[in-house]
C-alpha atoms as a PDB file:
ATOM      1  CA  MET A   1       0.072   0.020  -0.040  1.00  0.00           C
ATOM      2  CA  ALA A   2       2.779   2.324   0.849  1.00  0.00           C
ATOM      3  CA  ARG A   3       4.427   1.826  -2.536  1.00  0.00           C
ATOM      4  CA  GLY A   4       1.171   2.582  -4.193  1.00  0.00           C
ATOM      5  CA  ILE A   5       0.764   5.798  -2.255  1.00  0.00           C
ATOM      6  CA  TRP A   6       4.345   6.975  -3.196  1.00  0.00           C
ATOM      7  CA  ALA A   7       4.012   5.887  -6.932  1.00  0.00           C
ATOM      8  CA  ALA A   8       0.529   7.395  -7.429  1.00  0.00           C
ATOM      9  CA  ASP A   9      -0.025  10.481  -9.542  1.00  0.00           C
ATOM     10  CA  ALA A  10      -2.937  11.531  -7.119  1.00  0.00           C
ATOM     11  CA  VAL A  11      -4.263  10.139  -3.943  1.00  0.00           C
ATOM     12  CA  ASN A  12      -7.818  11.003  -2.834  1.00  0.00           C
ATOM     13  CA  THR A  13      -9.882  10.054   0.200  1.00  0.00           C
ATOM     14  CA  VAL A  14     -13.509  10.499   1.404  1.00  0.00           C
ATOM     15  CA  SER A  15     -13.345  14.076   2.676  1.00  0.00           C
ATOM     16  CA  PRO A  16     -10.994  17.015   3.384  1.00  0.00           C
ATOM     17  CA  MET A  17     -11.036  16.215   7.120  1.00  0.00           C
ATOM     18  CA  HIS A  18     -10.034  12.675   6.416  1.00  0.00           C
ATOM     19  CA  ALA A  19      -7.136  13.721   4.328  1.00  0.00           C
ATOM     20  CA  GLU A  20      -6.016  15.980   7.046  1.00  0.00           C
ATOM     21  CA  GLU A  21      -6.433  13.156   9.705  1.00  0.00           C
ATOM     22  CA  LEU A  22      -4.178  10.979   7.414  1.00  0.00           C
ATOM     23  CA  ARG A  23      -1.557  13.680   6.898  1.00  0.00           C
ATOM     24  CA  THR A  24      -1.208  14.201  10.866  1.00  0.00           C
ATOM     25  CA  GLY A  25      -0.823  10.361  11.315  1.00  0.00           C
ATOM     26  CA  GLY A  26      -3.778   9.691  13.429  1.00  0.00           C
ATOM     27  CA  TYR A  27      -5.653   7.405  11.139  1.00  0.00           C
ATOM     28  CA  ALA A  28      -2.907   6.366   8.620  1.00  0.00           C
ATOM     29  CA  VAL A  29      -2.515   2.927  10.185  1.00  0.00           C
ATOM     30  CA  GLY A  30       1.171   2.360   9.359  1.00  0.00           C
ATOM     31  CA  LEU A  31       1.143   4.502   6.308  1.00  0.00           C
ATOM     32  CA  THR A  32       1.944   7.896   7.887  1.00  0.00           C
ATOM     33  CA  LYS A  33       5.480   8.125   6.404  1.00  0.00           C
ATOM     34  CA  ALA A  34       4.282   7.179   2.947  1.00  0.00           C
ATOM     35  CA  ILE A  35       1.511   9.881   3.119  1.00  0.00           C
ATOM     36  CA  GLN A  36       3.774  12.598   4.673  1.00  0.00           C
ATOM     37  CA  THR A  37       6.587  12.207   2.138  1.00  0.00           C
ATOM     38  CA  ARG A  38       4.422  12.448  -0.874  1.00  0.00           C
ATOM     39  CA  LYS A  39       5.392  15.269  -3.310  1.00  0.00           C
ATOM     40  CA  GLU A  40       1.991  15.272  -4.844  1.00  0.00           C
ATOM     41  CA  PRO A  41      -0.948  16.411  -2.683  1.00  0.00           C
ATOM     42  CA  LEU A  42      -3.340  14.082  -0.769  1.00  0.00           C
ATOM     43  CA  GLU A  43      -6.844  15.451  -1.523  1.00  0.00           C
ATOM     44  CA  GLY A  44     -10.250  14.779   0.065  1.00  0.00           C
ATOM     45  CA  THR A  45     -13.580  14.982  -1.725  1.00  0.00           C
ATOM     46  CA  LEU A  46     -16.179  16.349   0.391  1.00  0.00           C
ATOM     47  CA  ASN A  47     -19.239  14.009   0.812  1.00  0.00           C
ATOM     48  CA  GLY A  48     -22.426  15.516  -0.004  1.00  0.00           C
ATOM     49  CA  LEU A  49     -25.515  15.785  -2.137  1.00  0.00           C
ATOM     50  CA  ASP A  50     -26.052  17.523  -5.510  1.00  0.00           C
ATOM     51  CA  GLU A  51     -28.799  19.970  -4.281  1.00  0.00           C
ATOM     52  CA  SER A  52     -30.008  20.487  -7.855  1.00  0.00           C
ATOM     53  CA  LEU A  53     -30.729  16.742  -8.209  1.00  0.00           C
ATOM     54  CA  TYR A  54     -31.934  16.149  -4.714  1.00  0.00           C
ATOM     55  CA  ASP A  55     -34.336  19.035  -3.975  1.00  0.00           C
ATOM     56  CA  PRO A  56     -37.359  18.034  -1.859  1.00  0.00           C
ATOM     57  CA  THR A  57     -39.447  20.818  -3.312  1.00  0.00           C
ATOM     58  CA  VAL A  58     -39.355  19.387  -6.837  1.00  0.00           C
ATOM     59  CA  ASP A  59     -38.113  15.632  -6.366  1.00  0.00           C
ATOM     60  CA  LYS A  60     -40.482  13.455  -8.317  1.00  0.00           C
ATOM     61  CA  ASP A  61     -39.423  10.346  -6.447  1.00  0.00           C
ATOM     62  CA  PHE A  62     -41.082  11.648  -3.273  1.00  0.00           C
ATOM     63  CA  THR A  63     -44.782  10.928  -2.672  1.00  0.00           C
ATOM     64  CA  GLN A  64     -45.120  14.595  -1.577  1.00  0.00           C
ATOM     65  CA  THR A  65     -42.835  17.389  -2.128  1.00  0.00           C
ATOM     66  CA  PHE A  66     -42.022  19.714   0.734  1.00  0.00           C
ATOM     67  CA  SER A  67     -39.871  22.588   1.857  1.00  0.00           C
ATOM     68  CA  ALA A  68     -38.898  24.181   5.145  1.00  0.00           C
ATOM     69  CA  ALA A  69     -42.097  26.118   5.007  1.00  0.00           C
ATOM     70  CA  ASN A  70     -44.227  22.975   5.012  1.00  0.00           C
ATOM     71  CA  LEU A  71     -42.410  20.291   6.816  1.00  0.00           C
ATOM     72  CA  ASP A  72     -45.606  18.620   7.815  1.00  0.00           C
ATOM     73  CA  ARG A  73     -45.921  17.351   4.248  1.00  0.00           C
ATOM     74  CA  ARG A  74     -43.081  14.949   4.894  1.00  0.00           C
ATOM     75  CA  GLU A  75     -45.543  12.770   6.768  1.00  0.00           C
ATOM     76  CA  ALA A  76     -46.860  11.286   3.511  1.00  0.00           C
ATOM     77  CA  ASN A  77     -43.344  10.292   2.406  1.00  0.00           C
ATOM     78  CA  LYS A  78     -42.646   8.590   5.818  1.00  0.00           C
ATOM     79  CA  LYS A  79     -45.950   6.613   5.511  1.00  0.00           C
ATOM     80  CA  ALA A  80     -45.049   5.672   1.850  1.00  0.00           C
ATOM     81  CA  LEU A  81     -41.542   4.631   2.812  1.00  0.00           C
ATOM     82  CA  GLN A  82     -42.855   2.494   5.772  1.00  0.00           C
ATOM     83  CA  GLU A  83     -45.278   0.826   3.478  1.00  0.00           C
ATOM     84  CA  LYS A  84     -42.767   0.157   0.850  1.00  0.00           C
ATOM     85  CA  CYS A  85     -40.416  -1.375   3.257  1.00  0.00           C
ATOM     86  CA  GLY A  86     -43.112  -3.675   4.703  1.00  0.00           C
ATOM     87  CA  PHE A  87     -43.647  -1.707   8.071  1.00  0.00           C
ATOM     88  CA  ALA A  88     -47.072  -0.659   9.382  1.00  0.00           C
ATOM     89  CA  PRO A  89     -47.371   3.138   8.734  1.00  0.00           C
ATOM     90  CA  ASN A  90     -46.856   4.881  12.018  1.00  0.00           C
ATOM     91  CA  LEU A  91     -45.770   8.450  12.446  1.00  0.00           C
ATOM     92  CA  GLU A  92     -44.942   7.988  16.081  1.00  0.00           C
ATOM     93  CA  VAL A  93     -42.139   5.407  15.399  1.00  0.00           C
ATOM     94  CA  PRO A  94     -38.733   6.747  14.368  1.00  0.00           C
ATOM     95  CA  LEU A  95     -37.640   5.825  10.879  1.00  0.00           C
ATOM     96  CA  LEU A  96     -33.896   5.849  10.449  1.00  0.00           C
ATOM     97  CA  GLY A  97     -31.804   5.345   7.297  1.00  0.00           C
ATOM     98  CA  VAL A  98     -28.027   4.792   7.369  1.00  0.00           C
ATOM     99  CA  VAL A  99     -25.734   4.589   4.344  1.00  0.00           C
ATOM    100  CA  SER A 100     -22.515   3.443   5.828  1.00  0.00           C
ATOM    101  CA  ARG A 101     -20.232   0.481   6.270  1.00  0.00           C
ATOM    102  CA  LEU A 102     -21.303  -1.275   9.578  1.00  0.00           C
ATOM    103  CA  ILE A 103     -17.868  -1.044  11.184  1.00  0.00           C
ATOM    104  CA  GLU A 104     -16.706   0.718  14.361  1.00  0.00           C
ATOM    105  CA  GLU A 105     -14.683   3.427  12.634  1.00  0.00           C
ATOM    106  CA  GLN A 106     -17.921   4.608  11.047  1.00  0.00           C
ATOM    107  CA  GLY A 107     -19.616   5.187  14.488  1.00  0.00           C
ATOM    108  CA  MET A 108     -22.222   2.469  14.308  1.00  0.00           C
ATOM    109  CA  GLU A 109     -21.512   1.658  18.097  1.00  0.00           C
ATOM    110  CA  LEU A 110     -22.695   5.206  18.887  1.00  0.00           C
ATOM    111  CA  LEU A 111     -25.960   4.655  17.161  1.00  0.00           C
ATOM    112  CA  GLU A 112     -26.356   1.462  19.238  1.00  0.00           C
ATOM    113  CA  LYS A 113     -25.707   3.149  22.452  1.00  0.00           C
ATOM    114  CA  ALA A 114     -27.973   6.030  21.647  1.00  0.00           C
ATOM    115  CA  LEU A 115     -30.791   3.758  20.528  1.00  0.00           C
ATOM    116  CA  PRO A 116     -30.666   0.526  22.626  1.00  0.00           C
ATOM    117  CA  GLY A 117     -32.542  -2.357  21.067  1.00  0.00           C
ATOM    118  CA  ALA A 118     -32.760  -0.520  17.778  1.00  0.00           C
ATOM    119  CA  ILE A 119     -30.030  -2.640  16.034  1.00  0.00           C
END
């Protein structure tokens, strides 16, 4: 891995913060020297959404569009998603979605501690 880092034209990671953490050695897991001695920069691409594609005021994939001015309209989306996932529609029950690797480094243990019995 170290030789690949040294030889690469560019090295990119999941966010600017993660790139900085790798540079300072906190998370480089034995690769600190390889990362710190690179002549080319180590970049981080910020995670995020394209707000022009994922705009809840016009998104046709929603059952009901909504905005900050009418957040109560989200209830129709929650019910539709619960039904699609095979759950009984219930606005009182929290509905959580996580897009992540289910490993400790991603903070999954924090979710388990915050919501005992949820996972």
